[in-house]
Amino acid sequence: MTSPSIQQQRSRILEEMALIDRMIRGHVSQQTYHKKRGDQTVTQGPYFLLQRRENGKNNCQRVGAEELDSIVFGVEAYARFQELADRYAQLTEQMTWNEQSPSVKKKFQRFWRSSSRKRRSA
C-alpha cells in the first residue's frame, strides 16, 4: 500500500476541518480554594474557569457545571483545529520546497530539511 500524496493528505485535513462546526478558543482550568475557619481548613470548589487572551489581556469567565461539558468540547475542538491547521501548513510548505529548483533547495536546505535530525556538536 502506498502512502497518500501530500495533496491527498491536505484534502483530508480540509475535510476534517470542515466537520468542526463548534469551537471555543481558550483553556479550561480548575480552581479550589482553602479557607481557614477557626481551627479548620475548609475547601471550596472545584470551580472551573474558561481563560483566553484577547487584545493582550487574559480574560477569565467562571463556567457552571451545566455548561462545563459543552465548553470543554468546544475548547478541545479548537485544539484539534489548530493541530490540523499546523499539519496543513507543514504539508504545504513541504510541497512548496519540493517544487523548488535544486539551487534554491541547496541554498535554503536548513529550512526545508526535517528538523528532527540531530545536529553535529562542534
PDB file of N, CA and C in Angstrom:
ATOM      1  N   MET A   1       0.835  -1.183   0.000  1.00  0.00           N
ATOM      2  CA  MET A   1       0.000   0.000   0.000  1.00  0.00           C
ATOM      3  C   MET A   1       0.882   1.250   0.000  1.00  0.00           C
ATOM      4  N   THR A   2       0.632   2.167  -0.880  1.00  0.00           N
ATOM      5  CA  THR A   2       1.441   3.374  -0.967  1.00  0.00           C
ATOM      6  C   THR A   2       0.892   4.439  -0.027  1.00  0.00           C
ATOM      7  N   SER A   3       1.782   5.303   0.404  1.00  0.00           N
ATOM      8  CA  SER A   3       1.334   6.375   1.287  1.00  0.00           C
ATOM      9  C   SER A   3       0.618   7.441   0.453  1.00  0.00           C
ATOM     10  N   PRO A   4      -0.348   8.116   1.066  1.00  0.00           N
ATOM     11  CA  PRO A   4      -1.094   9.122   0.302  1.00  0.00           C
ATOM     12  C   PRO A   4      -0.192  10.291  -0.066  1.00  0.00           C
ATOM     13  N   SER A   5      -0.482  10.902  -1.184  1.00  0.00           N
ATOM     14  CA  SER A   5       0.305  12.047  -1.623  1.00  0.00           C
ATOM     15  C   SER A   5       0.071  13.222  -0.676  1.00  0.00           C
ATOM     16  N   ILE A   6       0.939  14.198  -0.782  1.00  0.00           N
ATOM     17  CA  ILE A   6       0.799  15.388   0.051  1.00  0.00           C
ATOM     18  C   ILE A   6      -0.536  16.065  -0.237  1.00  0.00           C
ATOM     19  N   GLN A   7      -0.895  16.134  -1.504  1.00  0.00           N
ATOM     20  CA  GLN A   7      -2.153  16.789  -1.868  1.00  0.00           C
ATOM     21  C   GLN A   7      -3.355  16.040  -1.279  1.00  0.00           C
ATOM     22  N   GLN A   8      -3.304  14.705  -1.279  1.00  0.00           N
ATOM     23  CA  GLN A   8      -4.389  13.919  -0.684  1.00  0.00           C
ATOM     24  C   GLN A   8      -4.470  14.162   0.826  1.00  0.00           C
ATOM     25  N   GLN A   9      -3.322  14.231   1.471  1.00  0.00           N
ATOM     26  CA  GLN A   9      -3.302  14.492   2.911  1.00  0.00           C
ATOM     27  C   GLN A   9      -3.890  15.876   3.205  1.00  0.00           C
ATOM     28  N   ARG A  10      -3.529  16.863   2.396  1.00  0.00           N
ATOM     29  CA  ARG A  10      -4.065  18.211   2.582  1.00  0.00           C
ATOM     30  C   ARG A  10      -5.586  18.213   2.404  1.00  0.00           C
ATOM     31  N   SER A  11      -6.070  17.487   1.417  1.00  0.00           N
ATOM     32  CA  SER A  11      -7.522  17.428   1.186  1.00  0.00           C
ATOM     33  C   SER A  11      -8.249  16.798   2.366  1.00  0.00           C
ATOM     34  N   ARG A  12      -7.678  15.730   2.916  1.00  0.00           N
ATOM     35  CA  ARG A  12      -8.294  15.077   4.088  1.00  0.00           C
ATOM     36  C   ARG A  12      -8.330  16.019   5.282  1.00  0.00           C
ATOM     37  N   ILE A  13      -7.257  16.774   5.459  1.00  0.00           N
ATOM     38  CA  ILE A  13      -7.206  17.727   6.572  1.00  0.00           C
ATOM     39  C   ILE A  13      -8.305  18.770   6.414  1.00  0.00           C
ATOM     40  N   LEU A  14      -8.464  19.314   5.215  1.00  0.00           N
ATOM     41  CA  LEU A  14      -9.508  20.312   4.981  1.00  0.00           C
ATOM     42  C   LEU A  14     -10.898  19.737   5.219  1.00  0.00           C
ATOM     43  N   GLU A  15     -11.098  18.473   4.820  1.00  0.00           N
ATOM     44  CA  GLU A  15     -12.393  17.822   5.063  1.00  0.00           C
ATOM     45  C   GLU A  15     -12.657  17.697   6.558  1.00  0.00           C
ATOM     46  N   GLU A  16     -11.621  17.301   7.307  1.00  0.00           N
ATOM     47  CA  GLU A  16     -11.799  17.151   8.752  1.00  0.00           C
ATOM     48  C   GLU A  16     -12.036  18.510   9.417  1.00  0.00           C
ATOM     49  N   MET A  17     -11.347  19.537   8.942  1.00  0.00           N
ATOM     50  CA  MET A  17     -11.561  20.879   9.492  1.00  0.00           C
ATOM     51  C   MET A  17     -12.997  21.346   9.239  1.00  0.00           C
ATOM     52  N   ALA A  18     -13.514  21.020   8.065  1.00  0.00           N
ATOM     53  CA  ALA A  18     -14.877  21.442   7.716  1.00  0.00           C
ATOM     54  C   ALA A  18     -15.924  20.774   8.605  1.00  0.00           C
ATOM     55  N   LEU A  19     -15.606  19.623   9.173  1.00  0.00           N
ATOM     56  CA  LEU A  19     -16.550  18.926  10.048  1.00  0.00           C
ATOM     57  C   LEU A  19     -16.634  19.545  11.445  1.00  0.00           C
ATOM     58  N   ILE A  20     -15.675  20.373  11.774  1.00  0.00           N
ATOM     59  CA  ILE A  20     -15.680  21.028  13.082  1.00  0.00           C
ATOM     60  C   ILE A  20     -16.602  22.239  12.988  1.00  0.00           C
ATOM     61  N   ASP A  21     -17.776  22.142  13.603  1.00  0.00           N
ATOM     62  CA  ASP A  21     -18.753  23.231  13.475  1.00  0.00           C
ATOM     63  C   ASP A  21     -18.920  24.053  14.752  1.00  0.00           C
ATOM     64  N   ARG A  22     -18.224  23.672  15.806  1.00  0.00           N
ATOM     65  CA  ARG A  22     -18.259  24.443  17.052  1.00  0.00           C
ATOM     66  C   ARG A  22     -16.876  24.421  17.671  1.00  0.00           C
ATOM     67  N   MET A  23     -16.415  25.575  18.124  1.00  0.00           N
ATOM     68  CA  MET A  23     -15.137  25.623  18.827  1.00  0.00           C
ATOM     69  C   MET A  23     -15.086  26.860  19.703  1.00  0.00           C
ATOM     70  N   ILE A  24     -14.263  26.755  20.725  1.00  0.00           N
ATOM     71  CA  ILE A  24     -14.070  27.865  21.647  1.00  0.00           C
ATOM     72  C   ILE A  24     -12.572  27.996  21.893  1.00  0.00           C
ATOM     73  N   ARG A  25     -12.042  29.202  21.656  1.00  0.00           N
ATOM     74  CA  ARG A  25     -10.640  29.455  21.945  1.00  0.00           C
ATOM     75  C   ARG A  25     -10.465  29.595  23.448  1.00  0.00           C
ATOM     76  N   GLY A  26      -9.395  29.048  23.964  1.00  0.00           N
ATOM     77  CA  GLY A  26      -9.101  29.213  25.376  1.00  0.00           C
ATOM     78  C   GLY A  26      -8.699  27.908  26.033  1.00  0.00           C
ATOM     79  N   HIS A  27      -8.729  27.946  27.351  1.00  0.00           N
ATOM     80  CA  HIS A  27      -8.295  26.824  28.169  1.00  0.00           C
ATOM     81  C   HIS A  27      -9.209  26.748  29.390  1.00  0.00           C
ATOM     82  N   VAL A  28      -9.634  25.552  29.719  1.00  0.00           N
ATOM     83  CA  VAL A  28     -10.461  25.369  30.913  1.00  0.00           C
ATOM     84  C   VAL A  28      -9.560  24.889  32.042  1.00  0.00           C
ATOM     85  N   SER A  29      -9.627  25.594  33.153  1.00  0.00           N
ATOM     86  CA  SER A  29      -8.845  25.192  34.317  1.00  0.00           C
ATOM     87  C   SER A  29      -9.763  25.050  35.527  1.00  0.00           C
ATOM     88  N   GLN A  30      -9.228  24.395  36.535  1.00  0.00           N
ATOM     89  CA  GLN A  30      -9.996  24.122  37.747  1.00  0.00           C
ATOM     90  C   GLN A  30      -9.363  24.875  38.911  1.00  0.00           C
ATOM     91  N   GLN A  31     -10.208  25.472  39.746  1.00  0.00           N
ATOM     92  CA  GLN A  31      -9.740  26.172  40.936  1.00  0.00           C
ATOM     93  C   GLN A  31     -10.390  25.576  42.173  1.00  0.00           C
ATOM     94  N   THR A  32      -9.613  25.539  43.219  1.00  0.00           N
ATOM     95  CA  THR A  32     -10.113  25.131  44.529  1.00  0.00           C
ATOM     96  C   THR A  32      -9.539  26.113  45.545  1.00  0.00           C
ATOM     97  N   TYR A  33     -10.371  26.543  46.466  1.00  0.00           N
ATOM     98  CA  TYR A  33      -9.927  27.483  47.495  1.00  0.00           C
ATOM     99  C   TYR A  33      -9.922  26.792  48.846  1.00  0.00           C
ATOM    100  N   HIS A  34      -8.927  27.157  49.648  1.00  0.00           N
ATOM    101  CA  HIS A  34      -8.829  26.646  51.016  1.00  0.00           C
ATOM    102  C   HIS A  34      -8.899  27.854  51.949  1.00  0.00           C
ATOM    103  N   LYS A  35      -9.882  27.830  52.847  1.00  0.00           N
ATOM    104  CA  LYS A  35     -10.064  28.935  53.794  1.00  0.00           C
ATOM    105  C   LYS A  35      -9.934  28.409  55.214  1.00  0.00           C
ATOM    106  N   LYS A  36      -9.342  29.230  56.049  1.00  0.00           N
ATOM    107  CA  LYS A  36      -9.249  28.908  57.474  1.00  0.00           C
ATOM    108  C   LYS A  36     -10.483  29.444  58.163  1.00  0.00           C
ATOM    109  N   ARG A  37     -11.152  28.570  58.871  1.00  0.00           N
ATOM    110  CA  ARG A  37     -12.292  28.974  59.706  1.00  0.00           C
ATOM    111  C   ARG A  37     -12.037  28.418  61.101  1.00  0.00           C
ATOM    112  N   GLY A  38     -11.568  29.296  61.916  1.00  0.00           N
ATOM    113  CA  GLY A  38     -11.199  28.843  63.260  1.00  0.00           C
ATOM    114  C   GLY A  38     -10.009  27.916  63.181  1.00  0.00           C
ATOM    115  N   ASP A  39     -10.193  26.696  63.685  1.00  0.00           N
ATOM    116  CA  ASP A  39      -9.127  25.699  63.673  1.00  0.00           C
ATOM    117  C   ASP A  39      -9.168  24.818  62.430  1.00  0.00           C
ATOM    118  N   GLN A  40     -10.197  24.962  61.620  1.00  0.00           N
ATOM    119  CA  GLN A  40     -10.369  24.084  60.461  1.00  0.00           C
ATOM    120  C   GLN A  40     -10.032  24.796  59.156  1.00  0.00           C
ATOM    121  N   THR A  41      -9.614  23.978  58.195  1.00  0.00           N
ATOM    122  CA  THR A  41      -9.429  24.472  56.830  1.00  0.00           C
ATOM    123  C   THR A  41     -10.570  23.913  55.993  1.00  0.00           C
ATOM    124  N   VAL A  42     -11.317  24.819  55.367  1.00  0.00           N
ATOM    125  CA  VAL A  42     -12.472  24.419  54.566  1.00  0.00           C
ATOM    126  C   VAL A  42     -12.102  24.552  53.094  1.00  0.00           C
ATOM    127  N   THR A  43     -12.434  23.522  52.333  1.00  0.00           N
ATOM    128  CA  THR A  43     -12.159  23.528  50.898  1.00  0.00           C
ATOM    129  C   THR A  43     -13.419  23.947  50.159  1.00  0.00           C
ATOM    130  N   GLN A  44     -13.267  24.924  49.278  1.00  0.00           N
ATOM    131  CA  GLN A  44     -14.385  25.374  48.455  1.00  0.00           C
ATOM    132  C   GLN A  44     -14.060  25.079  46.999  1.00  0.00           C
ATOM    133  N   GLY A  45     -15.035  24.556  46.300  1.00  0.00           N
ATOM    134  CA  GLY A  45     -14.838  24.250  44.880  1.00  0.00           C
ATOM    135  C   GLY A  45     -14.948  22.765  44.646  1.00  0.00           C
ATOM    136  N   PRO A  46     -14.588  22.289  43.539  1.00  0.00           N
ATOM    137  CA  PRO A  46     -13.839  22.984  42.498  1.00  0.00           C
ATOM    138  C   PRO A  46     -14.729  23.907  41.660  1.00  0.00           C
ATOM    139  N   TYR A  47     -14.095  24.966  41.179  1.00  0.00           N
ATOM    140  CA  TYR A  47     -14.703  25.890  40.239  1.00  0.00           C
ATOM    141  C   TYR A  47     -13.932  25.763  38.926  1.00  0.00           C
ATOM    142  N   PHE A  48     -14.631  25.959  37.838  1.00  0.00           N
ATOM    143  CA  PHE A  48     -13.987  25.857  36.527  1.00  0.00           C
ATOM    144  C   PHE A  48     -13.988  27.226  35.851  1.00  0.00           C
ATOM    145  N   LEU A  49     -12.870  27.536  35.204  1.00  0.00           N
ATOM    146  CA  LEU A  49     -12.708  28.814  34.520  1.00  0.00           C
ATOM    147  C   LEU A  49     -12.359  28.592  33.058  1.00  0.00           C
ATOM    148  N   LEU A  50     -12.932  29.412  32.202  1.00  0.00           N
ATOM    149  CA  LEU A  50     -12.519  29.483  30.806  1.00  0.00           C
ATOM    150  C   LEU A  50     -11.594  30.689  30.718  1.00  0.00           C
ATOM    151  N   GLN A  51     -10.353  30.446  30.309  1.00  0.00           N
ATOM    152  CA  GLN A  51      -9.360  31.510  30.207  1.00  0.00           C
ATOM    153  C   GLN A  51      -8.927  31.644  28.753  1.00  0.00           C
ATOM    154  N   ARG A  52      -8.715  32.905  28.330  1.00  0.00           N
ATOM    155  CA  ARG A  52      -8.187  33.143  26.994  1.00  0.00           C
ATOM    156  C   ARG A  52      -7.593  34.534  26.921  1.00  0.00           C
ATOM    157  N   ARG A  53      -6.685  34.706  25.996  1.00  0.00           N
ATOM    158  CA  ARG A  53      -6.056  36.007  25.787  1.00  0.00           C
ATOM    159  C   ARG A  53      -6.766  36.717  24.649  1.00  0.00           C
ATOM    160  N   GLU A  54      -7.143  37.937  24.916  1.00  0.00           N
ATOM    161  CA  GLU A  54      -7.784  38.788  23.909  1.00  0.00           C
ATOM    162  C   GLU A  54      -7.220  40.192  24.034  1.00  0.00           C
ATOM    163  N   ASN A  55      -6.766  40.735  22.920  1.00  0.00           N
ATOM    164  CA  ASN A  55      -6.213  42.097  22.901  1.00  0.00           C
ATOM    165  C   ASN A  55      -5.131  42.286  23.952  1.00  0.00           C
ATOM    166  N   GLY A  56      -4.282  41.288  24.121  1.00  0.00           N
ATOM    167  CA  GLY A  56      -3.177  41.376  25.069  1.00  0.00           C
ATOM    168  C   GLY A  56      -3.557  41.198  26.525  1.00  0.00           C
ATOM    169  N   LYS A  57      -4.818  40.888  26.788  1.00  0.00           N
ATOM    170  CA  LYS A  57      -5.274  40.702  28.166  1.00  0.00           C
ATOM    171  C   LYS A  57      -5.732  39.268  28.386  1.00  0.00           C
ATOM    172  N   ASN A  58      -5.545  38.783  29.605  1.00  0.00           N
ATOM    173  CA  ASN A  58      -6.041  37.476  29.983  1.00  0.00           C
ATOM    174  C   ASN A  58      -7.465  37.655  30.499  1.00  0.00           C
ATOM    175  N   ASN A  59      -8.433  37.051  29.827  1.00  0.00           N
ATOM    176  CA  ASN A  59      -9.832  37.135  30.246  1.00  0.00           C
ATOM    177  C   ASN A  59     -10.268  35.798  30.816  1.00  0.00           C
ATOM    178  N   CYS A  60     -10.962  35.851  31.928  1.00  0.00           N
ATOM    179  CA  CYS A  60     -11.438  34.645  32.600  1.00  0.00           C
ATOM    180  C   CYS A  60     -12.941  34.747  32.825  1.00  0.00           C
ATOM    181  N   GLN A  61     -13.592  33.608  32.722  1.00  0.00           N
ATOM    182  CA  GLN A  61     -15.026  33.535  32.989  1.00  0.00           C
ATOM    183  C   GLN A  61     -15.293  32.220  33.704  1.00  0.00           C
ATOM    184  N   ARG A  62     -16.004  32.296  34.812  1.00  0.00           N
ATOM    185  CA  ARG A  62     -16.354  31.070  35.530  1.00  0.00           C
ATOM    186  C   ARG A  62     -17.373  30.284  34.722  1.00  0.00           C
ATOM    187  N   VAL A  63     -17.211  28.963  34.689  1.00  0.00           N
ATOM    188  CA  VAL A  63     -18.080  28.064  33.925  1.00  0.00           C
ATOM    189  C   VAL A  63     -18.905  27.251  34.910  1.00  0.00           C
ATOM    190  N   GLY A  64     -20.208  27.274  34.744  1.00  0.00           N
ATOM    191  CA  GLY A  64     -21.096  26.497  35.604  1.00  0.00           C
ATOM    192  C   GLY A  64     -21.062  25.020  35.249  1.00  0.00           C
ATOM    193  N   ALA A  65     -21.482  24.187  36.183  1.00  0.00           N
ATOM    194  CA  ALA A  65     -21.459  22.739  35.986  1.00  0.00           C
ATOM    195  C   ALA A  65     -22.298  22.311  34.786  1.00  0.00           C
ATOM    196  N   GLU A  66     -23.436  23.005  34.567  1.00  0.00           N
ATOM    197  CA  GLU A  66     -24.319  22.633  33.456  1.00  0.00           C
ATOM    198  C   GLU A  66     -23.722  23.009  32.093  1.00  0.00           C
ATOM    199  N   GLU A  67     -22.767  23.929  32.077  1.00  0.00           N
ATOM    200  CA  GLU A  67     -22.134  24.369  30.827  1.00  0.00           C
ATOM    201  C   GLU A  67     -20.791  23.711  30.575  1.00  0.00           C
ATOM    202  N   LEU A  68     -20.242  23.052  31.584  1.00  0.00           N
ATOM    203  CA  LEU A  68     -18.865  22.568  31.530  1.00  0.00           C
ATOM    204  C   LEU A  68     -18.595  21.638  30.356  1.00  0.00           C
ATOM    205  N   ASP A  69     -19.421  20.617  30.163  1.00  0.00           N
ATOM    206  CA  ASP A  69     -19.179  19.652  29.085  1.00  0.00           C
ATOM    207  C   ASP A  69     -19.167  20.327  27.714  1.00  0.00           C
ATOM    208  N   SER A  70     -20.095  21.219  27.491  1.00  0.00           N
ATOM    209  CA  SER A  70     -20.186  21.928  26.224  1.00  0.00           C
ATOM    210  C   SER A  70     -18.957  22.809  25.989  1.00  0.00           C
ATOM    211  N   ILE A  71     -18.524  23.501  27.025  1.00  0.00           N
ATOM    212  CA  ILE A  71     -17.358  24.383  26.917  1.00  0.00           C
ATOM    213  C   ILE A  71     -16.091  23.560  26.671  1.00  0.00           C
ATOM    214  N   VAL A  72     -15.911  22.496  27.415  1.00  0.00           N
ATOM    215  CA  VAL A  72     -14.734  21.636  27.236  1.00  0.00           C
ATOM    216  C   VAL A  72     -14.713  21.051  25.821  1.00  0.00           C
ATOM    217  N   PHE A  73     -15.861  20.612  25.323  1.00  0.00           N
ATOM    218  CA  PHE A  73     -15.947  20.087  23.965  1.00  0.00           C
ATOM    219  C   PHE A  73     -15.493  21.140  22.950  1.00  0.00           C
ATOM    220  N   GLY A  74     -15.943  22.383  23.125  1.00  0.00           N
ATOM    221  CA  GLY A  74     -15.566  23.463  22.222  1.00  0.00           C
ATOM    222  C   GLY A  74     -14.078  23.771  22.271  1.00  0.00           C
ATOM    223  N   VAL A  75     -13.506  23.768  23.468  1.00  0.00           N
ATOM    224  CA  VAL A  75     -12.078  24.028  23.638  1.00  0.00           C
ATOM    225  C   VAL A  75     -11.250  22.907  22.986  1.00  0.00           C
ATOM    226  N   GLU A  76     -11.672  21.659  23.177  1.00  0.00           N
ATOM    227  CA  GLU A  76     -10.965  20.532  22.562  1.00  0.00           C
ATOM    228  C   GLU A  76     -11.081  20.570  21.039  1.00  0.00           C
ATOM    229  N   ALA A  77     -12.235  20.995  20.533  1.00  0.00           N
ATOM    230  CA  ALA A  77     -12.420  21.113  19.085  1.00  0.00           C
ATOM    231  C   ALA A  77     -11.487  22.177  18.515  1.00  0.00           C
ATOM    232  N   TYR A  78     -11.327  23.270  19.229  1.00  0.00           N
ATOM    233  CA  TYR A  78     -10.408  24.315  18.757  1.00  0.00           C
ATOM    234  C   TYR A  78      -8.970  23.804  18.752  1.00  0.00           C
ATOM    235  N   ALA A  79      -8.581  23.057  19.785  1.00  0.00           N
ATOM    236  CA  ALA A  79      -7.228  22.492  19.836  1.00  0.00           C
ATOM    237  C   ALA A  79      -6.999  21.554  18.650  1.00  0.00           C
ATOM    238  N   ARG A  80      -8.006  20.752  18.324  1.00  0.00           N
ATOM    239  CA  ARG A  80      -7.895  19.848  17.166  1.00  0.00           C
ATOM    240  C   ARG A  80      -7.783  20.652  15.874  1.00  0.00           C
ATOM    241  N   PHE A  81      -8.561  21.717  15.752  1.00  0.00           N
ATOM    242  CA  PHE A  81      -8.499  22.578  14.577  1.00  0.00           C
ATOM    243  C   PHE A  81      -7.095  23.163  14.420  1.00  0.00           C
ATOM    244  N   GLN A  82      -6.501  23.596  15.514  1.00  0.00           N
ATOM    245  CA  GLN A  82      -5.149  24.149  15.475  1.00  0.00           C
ATOM    246  C   GLN A  82      -4.129  23.101  15.038  1.00  0.00           C
ATOM    247  N   GLU A  83      -4.263  21.863  15.546  1.00  0.00           N
ATOM    248  CA  GLU A  83      -3.368  20.771  15.132  1.00  0.00           C
ATOM    249  C   GLU A  83      -3.475  20.535  13.630  1.00  0.00           C
ATOM    250  N   LEU A  84      -4.704  20.501  13.140  1.00  0.00           N
ATOM    251  CA  LEU A  84      -4.923  20.283  11.711  1.00  0.00           C
ATOM    252  C   LEU A  84      -4.349  21.431  10.884  1.00  0.00           C
ATOM    253  N   ALA A  85      -4.540  22.655  11.348  1.00  0.00           N
ATOM    254  CA  ALA A  85      -4.010  23.809  10.626  1.00  0.00           C
ATOM    255  C   ALA A  85      -2.482  23.769  10.582  1.00  0.00           C
ATOM    256  N   ASP A  86      -1.852  23.393  11.684  1.00  0.00           N
ATOM    257  CA  ASP A  86      -0.391  23.275  11.711  1.00  0.00           C
ATOM    258  C   ASP A  86       0.087  22.192  10.747  1.00  0.00           C
ATOM    259  N   ARG A  87      -0.593  21.057  10.747  1.00  0.00           N
ATOM    260  CA  ARG A  87      -0.210  19.964   9.840  1.00  0.00           C
ATOM    261  C   ARG A  87      -0.415  20.390   8.386  1.00  0.00           C
ATOM    262  N   TYR A  88      -1.485  21.092   8.085  1.00  0.00           N
ATOM    263  CA  TYR A  88      -1.744  21.583   6.743  1.00  0.00           C
ATOM    264  C   TYR A  88      -0.622  22.526   6.302  1.00  0.00           C
ATOM    265  N   ALA A  89      -0.214  23.409   7.192  1.00  0.00           N
ATOM    266  CA  ALA A  89       0.870  24.347   6.878  1.00  0.00           C
ATOM    267  C   ALA A  89       2.181  23.596   6.626  1.00  0.00           C
ATOM    268  N   GLN A  90       2.469  22.581   7.428  1.00  0.00           N
ATOM    269  CA  GLN A  90       3.687  21.790   7.230  1.00  0.00           C
ATOM    270  C   GLN A  90       3.684  21.107   5.864  1.00  0.00           C
ATOM    271  N   LEU A  91       2.567  20.487   5.522  1.00  0.00           N
ATOM    272  CA  LEU A  91       2.470  19.798   4.245  1.00  0.00           C
ATOM    273  C   LEU A  91       2.580  20.765   3.068  1.00  0.00           C
ATOM    274  N   THR A  92       1.952  21.921   3.195  1.00  0.00           N
ATOM    275  CA  THR A  92       2.001  22.917   2.125  1.00  0.00           C
ATOM    276  C   THR A  92       3.419  23.444   1.958  1.00  0.00           C
ATOM    277  N   GLU A  93       4.099  23.677   3.071  1.00  0.00           N
ATOM    278  CA  GLU A  93       5.486  24.125   2.986  1.00  0.00           C
ATOM    279  C   GLU A  93       6.360  23.043   2.357  1.00  0.00           C
ATOM    280  N   GLN A  94       6.153  21.793   2.758  1.00  0.00           N
ATOM    281  CA  GLN A  94       6.915  20.685   2.174  1.00  0.00           C
ATOM    282  C   GLN A  94       6.686  20.618   0.669  1.00  0.00           C
ATOM    283  N   MET A  95       5.452  20.765   0.258  1.00  0.00           N
ATOM    284  CA  MET A  95       5.109  20.739  -1.161  1.00  0.00           C
ATOM    285  C   MET A  95       5.794  21.901  -1.893  1.00  0.00           C
ATOM    286  N   THR A  96       5.834  23.056  -1.272  1.00  0.00           N
ATOM    287  CA  THR A  96       6.477  24.229  -1.866  1.00  0.00           C
ATOM    288  C   THR A  96       7.975  23.999  -2.036  1.00  0.00           C
ATOM    289  N   TRP A  97       8.624  23.462  -1.004  1.00  0.00           N
ATOM    290  CA  TRP A  97      10.064  23.190  -1.107  1.00  0.00           C
ATOM    291  C   TRP A  97      10.338  22.113  -2.145  1.00  0.00           C
ATOM    292  N   ASN A  98       9.471  21.127  -2.238  1.00  0.00           N
ATOM    293  CA  ASN A  98       9.671  20.059  -3.221  1.00  0.00           C
ATOM    294  C   ASN A  98       9.654  20.597  -4.651  1.00  0.00           C
ATOM    295  N   GLU A  99       8.945  21.689  -4.876  1.00  0.00           N
ATOM    296  CA  GLU A  99       8.825  22.266  -6.211  1.00  0.00           C
ATOM    297  C   GLU A  99       9.959  23.230  -6.552  1.00  0.00           C
ATOM    298  N   GLN A 100      10.823  23.548  -5.592  1.00  0.00           N
ATOM    299  CA  GLN A 100      11.907  24.499  -5.826  1.00  0.00           C
ATOM    300  C   GLN A 100      13.022  23.862  -6.653  1.00  0.00           C
ATOM    301  N   SER A 101      13.778  24.708  -7.308  1.00  0.00           N
ATOM    302  CA  SER A 101      14.911  24.228  -8.097  1.00  0.00           C
ATOM    303  C   SER A 101      16.009  23.736  -7.166  1.00  0.00           C
ATOM    304  N   PRO A 102      16.882  22.841  -7.658  1.00  0.00           N
ATOM    305  CA  PRO A 102      17.971  22.336  -6.811  1.00  0.00           C
ATOM    306  C   PRO A 102      18.853  23.437  -6.224  1.00  0.00           C
ATOM    307  N   SER A 103      19.081  24.515  -6.958  1.00  0.00           N
ATOM    308  CA  SER A 103      19.934  25.588  -6.429  1.00  0.00           C
ATOM    309  C   SER A 103      19.260  26.289  -5.243  1.00  0.00           C
ATOM    310  N   VAL A 104      17.964  26.486  -5.329  1.00  0.00           N
ATOM    311  CA  VAL A 104      17.237  27.109  -4.217  1.00  0.00           C
ATOM    312  C   VAL A 104      17.214  26.153  -3.028  1.00  0.00           C
ATOM    313  N   LYS A 105      16.981  24.870  -3.286  1.00  0.00           N
ATOM    314  CA  LYS A 105      16.965  23.885  -2.199  1.00  0.00           C
ATOM    315  C   LYS A 105      18.313  23.854  -1.480  1.00  0.00           C
ATOM    316  N   LYS A 106      19.397  23.910  -2.276  1.00  0.00           N
ATOM    317  CA  LYS A 106      20.725  23.862  -1.670  1.00  0.00           C
ATOM    318  C   LYS A 106      20.957  25.091  -0.789  1.00  0.00           C
ATOM    319  N   LYS A 107      20.556  26.250  -1.287  1.00  0.00           N
ATOM    320  CA  LYS A 107      20.769  27.490  -0.554  1.00  0.00           C
ATOM    321  C   LYS A 107      19.990  27.516   0.763  1.00  0.00           C
ATOM    322  N   PHE A 108      18.785  26.960   0.757  1.00  0.00           N
ATOM    323  CA  PHE A 108      17.910  27.017   1.925  1.00  0.00           C
ATOM    324  C   PHE A 108      17.693  25.647   2.573  1.00  0.00           C
ATOM    325  N   GLN A 109      18.669  24.752   2.461  1.00  0.00           N
ATOM    326  CA  GLN A 109      18.456  23.378   2.923  1.00  0.00           C
ATOM    327  C   GLN A 109      18.162  23.274   4.412  1.00  0.00           C
ATOM    328  N   ARG A 110      18.671  24.180   5.224  1.00  0.00           N
ATOM    329  CA  ARG A 110      18.378  24.076   6.661  1.00  0.00           C
ATOM    330  C   ARG A 110      16.911  24.387   6.969  1.00  0.00           C
ATOM    331  N   PHE A 111      16.225  25.058   6.043  1.00  0.00           N
ATOM    332  CA  PHE A 111      14.813  25.365   6.240  1.00  0.00           C
ATOM    333  C   PHE A 111      13.903  24.226   5.822  1.00  0.00           C
ATOM    334  N   TRP A 112      14.239  23.514   4.777  1.00  0.00           N
ATOM    335  CA  TRP A 112      13.310  22.516   4.270  1.00  0.00           C
ATOM    336  C   TRP A 112      13.632  21.103   4.711  1.00  0.00           C
ATOM    337  N   ARG A 113      14.801  20.878   5.243  1.00  0.00           N
ATOM    338  CA  ARG A 113      15.116  19.543   5.747  1.00  0.00           C
ATOM    339  C   ARG A 113      14.426  19.329   7.073  1.00  0.00           C
ATOM    340  N   SER A 114      14.166  18.071   7.371  1.00  0.00           N
ATOM    341  CA  SER A 114      13.480  17.722   8.618  1.00  0.00           C
ATOM    342  C   SER A 114      14.262  18.247   9.810  1.00  0.00           C
ATOM    343  N   SER A 115      13.576  18.884  10.740  1.00  0.00           N
ATOM    344  CA  SER A 115      14.234  19.431  11.932  1.00  0.00           C
ATOM    345  C   SER A 115      14.461  18.359  12.987  1.00  0.00           C
ATOM    346  N   SER A 116      14.024  17.134  12.729  1.00  0.00           N
ATOM    347  CA  SER A 116      14.188  16.068  13.710  1.00  0.00           C
ATOM    348  C   SER A 116      15.586  15.464  13.692  1.00  0.00           C
ATOM    349  N   ARG A 117      16.379  15.823  12.664  1.00  0.00           N
ATOM    350  CA  ARG A 117      17.742  15.301  12.598  1.00  0.00           C
ATOM    351  C   ARG A 117      18.583  15.916  13.704  1.00  0.00           C
ATOM    352  N   LYS A 118      19.502  15.103  14.228  1.00  0.00           N
ATOM    353  CA  LYS A 118      20.388  15.610  15.254  1.00  0.00           C
ATOM    354  C   LYS A 118      21.509  16.409  14.590  1.00  0.00           C
ATOM    355  N   ARG A 119      21.832  17.530  15.188  1.00  0.00           N
ATOM    356  CA  ARG A 119      22.919  18.364  14.680  1.00  0.00           C
ATOM    357  C   ARG A 119      24.229  17.876  15.229  1.00  0.00           C
ATOM    358  N   ARG A 120      25.278  18.064  14.447  1.00  0.00           N
ATOM    359  CA  ARG A 120      26.606  17.684  14.899  1.00  0.00           C
ATOM    360  C   ARG A 120      27.068  18.658  15.970  1.00  0.00           C
ATOM    361  N   SER A 121      27.720  18.126  16.984  1.00  0.00           N
ATOM    362  CA  SER A 121      28.252  19.009  18.014  1.00  0.00           C
ATOM    363  C   SER A 121      29.598  19.550  17.552  1.00  0.00           C
ATOM    364  N   ALA A 122      29.868  20.799  17.886  1.00  0.00           N
ATOM    365  CA  ALA A 122      31.091  21.460  17.416  1.00  0.00           C
ATOM    366  C   ALA A 122      32.282  21.136  18.261  1.00  0.00           C
TER     367      ALA A 122
END
